Structure formats: C-alpha cells, structure tokens
Amino acid sequence: MSSTLTGEQPRATGGAGAGNGGAPIEALREIWRDVLKLDDVGPDEELPYLGGQSMQVIQLAVRVERTLGVKLPLQVLLETPTLRGLADVAEELRRVEAPR
C-alpha cells in the first residue's frame, strides 16, 4: 500500500462524507491524485501542503463538477482544503440541489 505525501497511510472512510458507500470521498481522492500527481492522499491532508496551486484548484473544481455533478465554488476549495471536508460539503450540496 502506498503512503501519502506526509507518509500517512490512507484510511478507509465510512463516516462523515462517505455518502453512497464512500463515493464522494473516494471520487475526490481520485481527482486529487490525478490533478496533483500523487500516489495517494489522506482524508485530512490539506490541499496547500500537497502542492495545490491556483491552476490546480481550478482543475479540481472543474473535475468535481464533472464527476460528482456538484459545483464547488473556488472559495469552498480554499476554505475547506481536505478531502473529508470537501466530501461533507459535496454531500450537503447534493442534498440541497437534489430534485424534490
């Protein structure tokens, strides 16, 4: 199993942000790994410490919208810089935006 940039072993998540069997956090993890060119990302690692620059933040926002169907404002990505936090926000936005 590969470690994250900080040497932390990835953890399975089943709590906050797990949603549909962990789908939001796992989808976000894959997006971050791809955009940031990392082997893995822990749920509590912060985007700025992983090398996230402004252009990458924009790429992340676009990929999140395409993949999860949720539009995360750039400010949210900057104010909520962890996978776990963004998964929670994405789940909340899904609930709010879901057709009734």
PDB file of N, CA and C in Angstrom:
ATOM      1  N   MET A   1       0.861  -1.178   0.000  1.00  0.00           N
ATOM      2  CA  MET A   1       0.000   0.000   0.000  1.00  0.00           C
ATOM      3  C   MET A   1       0.899   1.231   0.000  1.00  0.00           C
ATOM      4  N   SER A   2       0.623   2.166  -0.844  1.00  0.00           N
ATOM      5  CA  SER A   2       1.447   3.366  -0.904  1.00  0.00           C
ATOM      6  C   SER A   2       1.020   4.361   0.165  1.00  0.00           C
ATOM      7  N   SER A   3       1.969   5.209   0.534  1.00  0.00           N
ATOM      8  CA  SER A   3       1.658   6.212   1.536  1.00  0.00           C
ATOM      9  C   SER A   3       1.404   7.548   0.862  1.00  0.00           C
ATOM     10  N   THR A   4       0.933   8.479   1.632  1.00  0.00           N
ATOM     11  CA  THR A   4       0.645   9.821   1.134  1.00  0.00           C
ATOM     12  C   THR A   4       1.904  10.658   1.192  1.00  0.00           C
ATOM     13  N   LEU A   5       1.797  11.889   0.760  1.00  0.00           N
ATOM     14  CA  LEU A   5       2.937  12.795   0.741  1.00  0.00           C
ATOM     15  C   LEU A   5       3.552  12.941   2.125  1.00  0.00           C
ATOM     16  N   THR A   6       2.733  12.929   3.146  1.00  0.00           N
ATOM     17  CA  THR A   6       3.245  13.101   4.504  1.00  0.00           C
ATOM     18  C   THR A   6       3.626  11.776   5.157  1.00  0.00           C
ATOM     19  N   GLY A   7       3.514  10.673   4.414  1.00  0.00           N
ATOM     20  CA  GLY A   7       3.865   9.372   4.948  1.00  0.00           C
ATOM     21  C   GLY A   7       2.714   8.685   5.655  1.00  0.00           C
ATOM     22  N   GLU A   8       1.575   9.341   5.723  1.00  0.00           N
ATOM     23  CA  GLU A   8       0.396   8.797   6.383  1.00  0.00           C
ATOM     24  C   GLU A   8      -0.193   7.681   5.519  1.00  0.00           C
ATOM     25  N   GLN A   9      -0.582   6.581   6.139  1.00  0.00           N
ATOM     26  CA  GLN A   9      -1.237   5.515   5.406  1.00  0.00           C
ATOM     27  C   GLN A   9      -2.677   5.909   5.128  1.00  0.00           C
ATOM     28  N   PRO A  10      -3.186   5.661   3.909  1.00  0.00           N
ATOM     29  CA  PRO A  10      -4.576   6.008   3.618  1.00  0.00           C
ATOM     30  C   PRO A  10      -5.506   5.246   4.542  1.00  0.00           C
ATOM     31  N   ARG A  11      -6.598   5.912   4.930  1.00  0.00           N
ATOM     32  CA  ARG A  11      -7.582   5.294   5.816  1.00  0.00           C
ATOM     33  C   ARG A  11      -8.901   5.153   5.080  1.00  0.00           C
ATOM     34  N   ALA A  12      -9.564   4.043   5.343  1.00  0.00           N
ATOM     35  CA  ALA A  12     -10.907   3.884   4.800  1.00  0.00           C
ATOM     36  C   ALA A  12     -11.823   4.841   5.535  1.00  0.00           C
ATOM     37  N   THR A  13     -12.777   5.396   4.822  1.00  0.00           N
ATOM     38  CA  THR A  13     -13.697   6.314   5.471  1.00  0.00           C
ATOM     39  C   THR A  13     -15.101   5.751   5.394  1.00  0.00           C
ATOM     40  N   GLY A  14     -15.781   5.825   6.484  1.00  0.00           N
ATOM     41  CA  GLY A  14     -17.146   5.359   6.486  1.00  0.00           C
ATOM     42  C   GLY A  14     -18.044   6.324   7.219  1.00  0.00           C
ATOM     43  N   GLY A  15     -17.461   7.389   7.703  1.00  0.00           N
ATOM     44  CA  GLY A  15     -18.212   8.351   8.488  1.00  0.00           C
ATOM     45  C   GLY A  15     -18.594   9.539   7.663  1.00  0.00           C
ATOM     46  N   ALA A  16     -18.304  10.710   8.168  1.00  0.00           N
ATOM     47  CA  ALA A  16     -18.684  11.955   7.515  1.00  0.00           C
ATOM     48  C   ALA A  16     -18.163  12.010   6.099  1.00  0.00           C
ATOM     49  N   GLY A  17     -19.046  12.335   5.188  1.00  0.00           N
ATOM     50  CA  GLY A  17     -18.645  12.480   3.801  1.00  0.00           C
ATOM     51  C   GLY A  17     -18.644  11.182   3.027  1.00  0.00           C
ATOM     52  N   ALA A  18     -18.919  10.070   3.678  1.00  0.00           N
ATOM     53  CA  ALA A  18     -18.862   8.795   2.975  1.00  0.00           C
ATOM     54  C   ALA A  18     -20.019   8.637   2.014  1.00  0.00           C
ATOM     55  N   GLY A  19     -21.182   9.151   2.392  1.00  0.00           N
ATOM     56  CA  GLY A  19     -22.319   9.140   1.467  1.00  0.00           C
ATOM     57  C   GLY A  19     -22.639   7.771   0.922  1.00  0.00           C
ATOM     58  N   ASN A  20     -22.712   7.664  -0.387  1.00  0.00           N
ATOM     59  CA  ASN A  20     -23.080   6.426  -1.067  1.00  0.00           C
ATOM     60  C   ASN A  20     -21.914   5.447  -1.063  1.00  0.00           C
ATOM     61  N   GLY A  21     -21.717   4.752   0.051  1.00  0.00           N
ATOM     62  CA  GLY A  21     -20.649   3.782   0.132  1.00  0.00           C
ATOM     63  C   GLY A  21     -19.268   4.402  -0.005  1.00  0.00           C
ATOM     64  N   GLY A  22     -19.114   5.643   0.387  1.00  0.00           N
ATOM     65  CA  GLY A  22     -17.822   6.304   0.304  1.00  0.00           C
ATOM     66  C   GLY A  22     -17.588   6.987  -1.030  1.00  0.00           C
ATOM     67  N   ALA A  23     -18.575   7.015  -1.890  1.00  0.00           N
ATOM     68  CA  ALA A  23     -18.394   7.537  -3.248  1.00  0.00           C
ATOM     69  C   ALA A  23     -17.832   8.948  -3.302  1.00  0.00           C
ATOM     70  N   PRO A  24     -18.374   9.933  -2.586  1.00  0.00           N
ATOM     71  CA  PRO A  24     -17.824  11.284  -2.717  1.00  0.00           C
ATOM     72  C   PRO A  24     -16.363  11.387  -2.306  1.00  0.00           C
ATOM     73  N   ILE A  25     -15.992  10.825  -1.176  1.00  0.00           N
ATOM     74  CA  ILE A  25     -14.602  10.967  -0.742  1.00  0.00           C
ATOM     75  C   ILE A  25     -13.667  10.172  -1.641  1.00  0.00           C
ATOM     76  N   GLU A  26     -14.093   9.019  -2.105  1.00  0.00           N
ATOM     77  CA  GLU A  26     -13.236   8.227  -2.993  1.00  0.00           C
ATOM     78  C   GLU A  26     -13.122   8.881  -4.366  1.00  0.00           C
ATOM     79  N   ALA A  27     -14.201   9.456  -4.857  1.00  0.00           N
ATOM     80  CA  ALA A  27     -14.140  10.175  -6.134  1.00  0.00           C
ATOM     81  C   ALA A  27     -13.223  11.394  -6.005  1.00  0.00           C
ATOM     82  N   LEU A  28     -13.341  12.116  -4.900  1.00  0.00           N
ATOM     83  CA  LEU A  28     -12.468  13.267  -4.660  1.00  0.00           C
ATOM     84  C   LEU A  28     -11.014  12.829  -4.548  1.00  0.00           C
ATOM     85  N   ARG A  29     -10.779  11.721  -3.878  1.00  0.00           N
ATOM     86  CA  ARG A  29      -9.413  11.209  -3.723  1.00  0.00           C
ATOM     87  C   ARG A  29      -8.795  10.936  -5.099  1.00  0.00           C
ATOM     88  N   GLU A  30      -9.558  10.302  -5.968  1.00  0.00           N
ATOM     89  CA  GLU A  30      -9.046  10.004  -7.312  1.00  0.00           C
ATOM     90  C   GLU A  30      -8.768  11.282  -8.101  1.00  0.00           C
ATOM     91  N   ILE A  31      -9.637  12.266  -7.972  1.00  0.00           N
ATOM     92  CA  ILE A  31      -9.432  13.549  -8.660  1.00  0.00           C
ATOM     93  C   ILE A  31      -8.162  14.212  -8.142  1.00  0.00           C
ATOM     94  N   TRP A  32      -8.019  14.289  -6.830  1.00  0.00           N
ATOM     95  CA  TRP A  32      -6.826  14.926  -6.239  1.00  0.00           C
ATOM     96  C   TRP A  32      -5.565  14.191  -6.656  1.00  0.00           C
ATOM     97  N   ARG A  33      -5.595  12.845  -6.620  1.00  0.00           N
ATOM     98  CA  ARG A  33      -4.419  12.073  -7.019  1.00  0.00           C
ATOM     99  C   ARG A  33      -4.024  12.391  -8.451  1.00  0.00           C
ATOM    100  N   ASP A  34      -4.993  12.470  -9.319  1.00  0.00           N
ATOM    101  CA  ASP A  34      -4.719  12.725 -10.726  1.00  0.00           C
ATOM    102  C   ASP A  34      -4.203  14.149 -10.954  1.00  0.00           C
ATOM    103  N   VAL A  35      -4.911  15.130 -10.446  1.00  0.00           N
ATOM    104  CA  VAL A  35      -4.545  16.537 -10.677  1.00  0.00           C
ATOM    105  C   VAL A  35      -3.227  16.892  -9.994  1.00  0.00           C
ATOM    106  N   LEU A  36      -3.022  16.405  -8.772  1.00  0.00           N
ATOM    107  CA  LEU A  36      -1.819  16.744  -8.012  1.00  0.00           C
ATOM    108  C   LEU A  36      -0.658  15.788  -8.275  1.00  0.00           C
ATOM    109  N   LYS A  37      -0.920  14.743  -9.068  1.00  0.00           N
ATOM    110  CA  LYS A  37       0.123  13.767  -9.423  1.00  0.00           C
ATOM    111  C   LYS A  37       0.738  13.107  -8.181  1.00  0.00           C
ATOM    112  N   LEU A  38      -0.138  12.597  -7.302  1.00  0.00           N
ATOM    113  CA  LEU A  38       0.288  11.931  -6.080  1.00  0.00           C
ATOM    114  C   LEU A  38      -0.149  10.475  -6.104  1.00  0.00           C
ATOM    115  N   ASP A  39       0.590   9.616  -5.393  1.00  0.00           N
ATOM    116  CA  ASP A  39       0.203   8.211  -5.283  1.00  0.00           C
ATOM    117  C   ASP A  39      -1.088   8.055  -4.492  1.00  0.00           C
ATOM    118  N   ASP A  40      -1.229   8.823  -3.430  1.00  0.00           N
ATOM    119  CA  ASP A  40      -2.445   8.772  -2.628  1.00  0.00           C
ATOM    120  C   ASP A  40      -2.540  10.036  -1.786  1.00  0.00           C
ATOM    121  N   VAL A  41      -3.729  10.261  -1.259  1.00  0.00           N
ATOM    122  CA  VAL A  41      -3.999  11.440  -0.444  1.00  0.00           C
ATOM    123  C   VAL A  41      -4.825  10.989   0.749  1.00  0.00           C
ATOM    124  N   GLY A  42      -4.402  11.369   1.936  1.00  0.00           N
ATOM    125  CA  GLY A  42      -5.159  11.055   3.142  1.00  0.00           C
ATOM    126  C   GLY A  42      -6.350  11.988   3.277  1.00  0.00           C
ATOM    127  N   PRO A  43      -7.391  11.563   3.961  1.00  0.00           N
ATOM    128  CA  PRO A  43      -8.624  12.347   4.056  1.00  0.00           C
ATOM    129  C   PRO A  43      -8.479  13.677   4.786  1.00  0.00           C
ATOM    130  N   ASP A  44      -7.435  13.815   5.593  1.00  0.00           N
ATOM    131  CA  ASP A  44      -7.266  15.046   6.360  1.00  0.00           C
ATOM    132  C   ASP A  44      -6.048  15.868   5.936  1.00  0.00           C
ATOM    133  N   GLU A  45      -5.399  15.466   4.850  1.00  0.00           N
ATOM    134  CA  GLU A  45      -4.274  16.257   4.352  1.00  0.00           C
ATOM    135  C   GLU A  45      -4.826  17.504   3.669  1.00  0.00           C
ATOM    136  N   GLU A  46      -4.106  18.609   3.795  1.00  0.00           N
ATOM    137  CA  GLU A  46      -4.597  19.881   3.271  1.00  0.00           C
ATOM    138  C   GLU A  46      -4.013  20.203   1.904  1.00  0.00           C
ATOM    139  N   LEU A  47      -4.879  20.662   1.033  1.00  0.00           N
ATOM    140  CA  LEU A  47      -4.537  20.963  -0.349  1.00  0.00           C
ATOM    141  C   LEU A  47      -3.286  21.826  -0.501  1.00  0.00           C
ATOM    142  N   PRO A  48      -3.140  22.926   0.235  1.00  0.00           N
ATOM    143  CA  PRO A  48      -1.935  23.748   0.053  1.00  0.00           C
ATOM    144  C   PRO A  48      -0.640  22.997   0.362  1.00  0.00           C
ATOM    145  N   TYR A  49      -0.674  22.086   1.333  1.00  0.00           N
ATOM    146  CA  TYR A  49       0.517  21.332   1.717  1.00  0.00           C
ATOM    147  C   TYR A  49       0.824  20.196   0.759  1.00  0.00           C
ATOM    148  N   LEU A  50      -0.121  19.894  -0.129  1.00  0.00           N
ATOM    149  CA  LEU A  50       0.084  18.854  -1.135  1.00  0.00           C
ATOM    150  C   LEU A  50       0.573  19.440  -2.457  1.00  0.00           C
ATOM    151  N   GLY A  51       0.788  20.742  -2.473  1.00  0.00           N
ATOM    152  CA  GLY A  51       1.281  21.393  -3.691  1.00  0.00           C
ATOM    153  C   GLY A  51       0.186  21.989  -4.542  1.00  0.00           C
ATOM    154  N   GLY A  52      -1.028  22.076  -4.003  1.00  0.00           N
ATOM    155  CA  GLY A  52      -2.151  22.642  -4.752  1.00  0.00           C
ATOM    156  C   GLY A  52      -1.941  24.121  -5.035  1.00  0.00           C
ATOM    157  N   GLN A  53      -1.786  24.467  -6.295  1.00  0.00           N
ATOM    158  CA  GLN A  53      -1.607  25.845  -6.734  1.00  0.00           C
ATOM    159  C   GLN A  53      -2.925  26.325  -7.343  1.00  0.00           C
ATOM    160  N   SER A  54      -3.009  27.596  -7.688  1.00  0.00           N
ATOM    161  CA  SER A  54      -4.263  28.179  -8.173  1.00  0.00           C
ATOM    162  C   SER A  54      -4.816  27.462  -9.406  1.00  0.00           C
ATOM    163  N   MET A  55      -3.960  27.123 -10.363  1.00  0.00           N
ATOM    164  CA  MET A  55      -4.456  26.442 -11.571  1.00  0.00           C
ATOM    165  C   MET A  55      -4.972  25.046 -11.236  1.00  0.00           C
ATOM    166  N   GLN A  56      -4.330  24.390 -10.297  1.00  0.00           N
ATOM    167  CA  GLN A  56      -4.789  23.072  -9.894  1.00  0.00           C
ATOM    168  C   GLN A  56      -6.111  23.145  -9.145  1.00  0.00           C
ATOM    169  N   VAL A  57      -6.310  24.191  -8.369  1.00  0.00           N
ATOM    170  CA  VAL A  57      -7.582  24.365  -7.666  1.00  0.00           C
ATOM    171  C   VAL A  57      -8.707  24.512  -8.693  1.00  0.00           C
ATOM    172  N   ILE A  58      -8.463  25.249  -9.757  1.00  0.00           N
ATOM    173  CA  ILE A  58      -9.468  25.396 -10.822  1.00  0.00           C
ATOM    174  C   ILE A  58      -9.724  24.040 -11.480  1.00  0.00           C
ATOM    175  N   GLN A  59      -8.665  23.291 -11.759  1.00  0.00           N
ATOM    176  CA  GLN A  59      -8.831  21.955 -12.345  1.00  0.00           C
ATOM    177  C   GLN A  59      -9.643  21.052 -11.421  1.00  0.00           C
ATOM    178  N   LEU A  60      -9.360  21.127 -10.140  1.00  0.00           N
ATOM    179  CA  LEU A  60     -10.105  20.318  -9.176  1.00  0.00           C
ATOM    180  C   LEU A  60     -11.590  20.666  -9.206  1.00  0.00           C
ATOM    181  N   ALA A  61     -11.902  21.969  -9.219  1.00  0.00           N
ATOM    182  CA  ALA A  61     -13.306  22.396  -9.228  1.00  0.00           C
ATOM    183  C   ALA A  61     -14.028  21.880 -10.466  1.00  0.00           C
ATOM    184  N   VAL A  62     -13.378  21.972 -11.609  1.00  0.00           N
ATOM    185  CA  VAL A  62     -13.993  21.502 -12.866  1.00  0.00           C
ATOM    186  C   VAL A  62     -14.208  19.990 -12.818  1.00  0.00           C
ATOM    187  N   ARG A  63     -13.210  19.258 -12.356  1.00  0.00           N
ATOM    188  CA  ARG A  63     -13.324  17.804 -12.294  1.00  0.00           C
ATOM    189  C   ARG A  63     -14.380  17.355 -11.291  1.00  0.00           C
ATOM    190  N   VAL A  64     -14.493  18.060 -10.175  1.00  0.00           N
ATOM    191  CA  VAL A  64     -15.518  17.718  -9.180  1.00  0.00           C
ATOM    192  C   VAL A  64     -16.901  17.911  -9.789  1.00  0.00           C
ATOM    193  N   GLU A  65     -17.098  19.011 -10.496  1.00  0.00           N
ATOM    194  CA  GLU A  65     -18.406  19.254 -11.112  1.00  0.00           C
ATOM    195  C   GLU A  65     -18.733  18.177 -12.143  1.00  0.00           C
ATOM    196  N   ARG A  66     -17.772  17.810 -12.973  1.00  0.00           N
ATOM    197  CA  ARG A  66     -17.991  16.763 -13.983  1.00  0.00           C
ATOM    198  C   ARG A  66     -18.255  15.404 -13.353  1.00  0.00           C
ATOM    199  N   THR A  67     -17.503  15.080 -12.323  1.00  0.00           N
ATOM    200  CA  THR A  67     -17.573  13.749 -11.724  1.00  0.00           C
ATOM    201  C   THR A  67     -18.736  13.585 -10.759  1.00  0.00           C
ATOM    202  N   LEU A  68     -18.923  14.562  -9.883  1.00  0.00           N
ATOM    203  CA  LEU A  68     -19.960  14.448  -8.848  1.00  0.00           C
ATOM    204  C   LEU A  68     -21.230  15.221  -9.166  1.00  0.00           C
ATOM    205  N   GLY A  69     -21.155  16.085 -10.196  1.00  0.00           N
ATOM    206  CA  GLY A  69     -22.327  16.879 -10.547  1.00  0.00           C
ATOM    207  C   GLY A  69     -22.622  17.974  -9.535  1.00  0.00           C
ATOM    208  N   VAL A  70     -21.606  18.368  -8.783  1.00  0.00           N
ATOM    209  CA  VAL A  70     -21.751  19.391  -7.753  1.00  0.00           C
ATOM    210  C   VAL A  70     -20.784  20.519  -8.077  1.00  0.00           C
ATOM    211  N   LYS A  71     -21.311  21.744  -8.096  1.00  0.00           N
ATOM    212  CA  LYS A  71     -20.455  22.895  -8.361  1.00  0.00           C
ATOM    213  C   LYS A  71     -19.926  23.431  -7.042  1.00  0.00           C
ATOM    214  N   LEU A  72     -18.624  23.233  -6.831  1.00  0.00           N
ATOM    215  CA  LEU A  72     -17.983  23.752  -5.631  1.00  0.00           C
ATOM    216  C   LEU A  72     -17.343  25.091  -5.979  1.00  0.00           C
ATOM    217  N   PRO A  73     -17.795  26.166  -5.365  1.00  0.00           N
ATOM    218  CA  PRO A  73     -17.150  27.454  -5.606  1.00  0.00           C
ATOM    219  C   PRO A  73     -15.672  27.379  -5.212  1.00  0.00           C
ATOM    220  N   LEU A  74     -14.823  28.099  -5.919  1.00  0.00           N
ATOM    221  CA  LEU A  74     -13.393  28.082  -5.622  1.00  0.00           C
ATOM    222  C   LEU A  74     -13.126  28.449  -4.171  1.00  0.00           C
ATOM    223  N   GLN A  75     -13.913  29.365  -3.638  1.00  0.00           N
ATOM    224  CA  GLN A  75     -13.740  29.770  -2.239  1.00  0.00           C
ATOM    225  C   GLN A  75     -13.900  28.580  -1.294  1.00  0.00           C
ATOM    226  N   VAL A  76     -14.807  27.657  -1.615  1.00  0.00           N
ATOM    227  CA  VAL A  76     -15.012  26.474  -0.780  1.00  0.00           C
ATOM    228  C   VAL A  76     -13.761  25.600  -0.807  1.00  0.00           C
ATOM    229  N   LEU A  77     -13.163  25.444  -1.980  1.00  0.00           N
ATOM    230  CA  LEU A  77     -11.935  24.653  -2.073  1.00  0.00           C
ATOM    231  C   LEU A  77     -10.804  25.264  -1.253  1.00  0.00           C
ATOM    232  N   LEU A  78     -10.779  26.568  -1.188  1.00  0.00           N
ATOM    233  CA  LEU A  78      -9.732  27.239  -0.425  1.00  0.00           C
ATOM    234  C   LEU A  78     -10.008  27.217   1.079  1.00  0.00           C
ATOM    235  N   GLU A  79     -11.270  27.317   1.457  1.00  0.00           N
ATOM    236  CA  GLU A  79     -11.641  27.352   2.879  1.00  0.00           C
ATOM    237  C   GLU A  79     -11.806  25.966   3.488  1.00  0.00           C
ATOM    238  N   THR A  80     -12.003  24.962   2.661  1.00  0.00           N
ATOM    239  CA  THR A  80     -12.190  23.584   3.113  1.00  0.00           C
ATOM    240  C   THR A  80     -11.168  22.725   2.369  1.00  0.00           C
ATOM    241  N   PRO A  81      -9.910  22.755   2.802  1.00  0.00           N
ATOM    242  CA  PRO A  81      -8.838  22.173   1.993  1.00  0.00           C
ATOM    243  C   PRO A  81      -8.569  20.680   2.163  1.00  0.00           C
ATOM    244  N   THR A  82      -9.489  19.925   2.791  1.00  0.00           N
ATOM    245  CA  THR A  82      -9.243  18.485   2.958  1.00  0.00           C
ATOM    246  C   THR A  82     -10.293  17.677   2.210  1.00  0.00           C
ATOM    247  N   LEU A  83      -9.946  16.429   1.882  1.00  0.00           N
ATOM    248  CA  LEU A  83     -10.901  15.533   1.223  1.00  0.00           C
ATOM    249  C   LEU A  83     -12.141  15.326   2.085  1.00  0.00           C
ATOM    250  N   ARG A  84     -11.921  15.087   3.373  1.00  0.00           N
ATOM    251  CA  ARG A  84     -13.045  14.828   4.276  1.00  0.00           C
ATOM    252  C   ARG A  84     -13.996  16.034   4.315  1.00  0.00           C
ATOM    253  N   GLY A  85     -13.437  17.233   4.438  1.00  0.00           N
ATOM    254  CA  GLY A  85     -14.253  18.440   4.479  1.00  0.00           C
ATOM    255  C   GLY A  85     -15.002  18.672   3.178  1.00  0.00           C
ATOM    256  N   LEU A  86     -14.314  18.482   2.056  1.00  0.00           N
ATOM    257  CA  LEU A  86     -14.971  18.679   0.759  1.00  0.00           C
ATOM    258  C   LEU A  86     -16.036  17.622   0.489  1.00  0.00           C
ATOM    259  N   ALA A  87     -15.795  16.398   0.957  1.00  0.00           N
ATOM    260  CA  ALA A  87     -16.811  15.351   0.802  1.00  0.00           C
ATOM    261  C   ALA A  87     -18.076  15.730   1.559  1.00  0.00           C
ATOM    262  N   ASP A  88     -17.914  16.291   2.749  1.00  0.00           N
ATOM    263  CA  ASP A  88     -19.072  16.741   3.527  1.00  0.00           C
ATOM    264  C   ASP A  88     -19.825  17.853   2.789  1.00  0.00           C
ATOM    265  N   VAL A  89     -19.073  18.816   2.247  1.00  0.00           N
ATOM    266  CA  VAL A  89     -19.697  19.915   1.503  1.00  0.00           C
ATOM    267  C   VAL A  89     -20.410  19.379   0.264  1.00  0.00           C
ATOM    268  N   ALA A  90     -19.765  18.466  -0.463  1.00  0.00           N
ATOM    269  CA  ALA A  90     -20.368  17.893  -1.673  1.00  0.00           C
ATOM    270  C   ALA A  90     -21.663  17.165  -1.337  1.00  0.00           C
ATOM    271  N   GLU A  91     -21.659  16.406  -0.239  1.00  0.00           N
ATOM    272  CA  GLU A  91     -22.876  15.697   0.174  1.00  0.00           C
ATOM    273  C   GLU A  91     -23.994  16.678   0.513  1.00  0.00           C
ATOM    274  N   GLU A  92     -23.651  17.737   1.225  1.00  0.00           N
ATOM    275  CA  GLU A  92     -24.640  18.753   1.585  1.00  0.00           C
ATOM    276  C   GLU A  92     -25.203  19.425   0.325  1.00  0.00           C
ATOM    277  N   LEU A  93     -24.349  19.763  -0.608  1.00  0.00           N
ATOM    278  CA  LEU A  93     -24.804  20.384  -1.853  1.00  0.00           C
ATOM    279  C   LEU A  93     -25.675  19.427  -2.662  1.00  0.00           C
ATOM    280  N   ARG A  94     -25.336  18.158  -2.650  1.00  0.00           N
ATOM    281  CA  ARG A  94     -26.175  17.159  -3.352  1.00  0.00           C
ATOM    282  C   ARG A  94     -27.576  17.129  -2.751  1.00  0.00           C
ATOM    283  N   ARG A  95     -27.640  17.151  -1.415  1.00  0.00           N
ATOM    284  CA  ARG A  95     -28.956  17.116  -0.756  1.00  0.00           C
ATOM    285  C   ARG A  95     -29.761  18.375  -1.075  1.00  0.00           C
ATOM    286  N   VAL A  96     -29.098  19.523  -1.041  1.00  0.00           N
ATOM    287  CA  VAL A  96     -29.772  20.797  -1.298  1.00  0.00           C
ATOM    288  C   VAL A  96     -30.221  20.899  -2.751  1.00  0.00           C
ATOM    289  N   GLU A  97     -29.379  20.449  -3.680  1.00  0.00           N
ATOM    290  CA  GLU A  97     -29.663  20.577  -5.106  1.00  0.00           C
ATOM    291  C   GLU A  97     -30.505  19.455  -5.667  1.00  0.00           C
ATOM    292  N   ALA A  98     -30.720  18.397  -4.894  1.00  0.00           N
ATOM    293  CA  ALA A  98     -31.472  17.236  -5.387  1.00  0.00           C
ATOM    294  C   ALA A  98     -32.919  17.643  -5.701  1.00  0.00           C
ATOM    295  N   PRO A  99     -33.435  17.128  -6.843  1.00  0.00           N
ATOM    296  CA  PRO A  99     -34.844  17.411  -7.164  1.00  0.00           C
ATOM    297  C   PRO A  99     -35.754  16.788  -6.117  1.00  0.00           C
ATOM    298  N   ARG A 100     -36.795  17.505  -5.806  1.00  0.00           N
ATOM    299  CA  ARG A 100     -37.739  17.028  -4.783  1.00  0.00           C
ATOM    300  C   ARG A 100     -38.983  16.483  -5.412  1.00  0.00           C
TER     301      ARG A 100
END
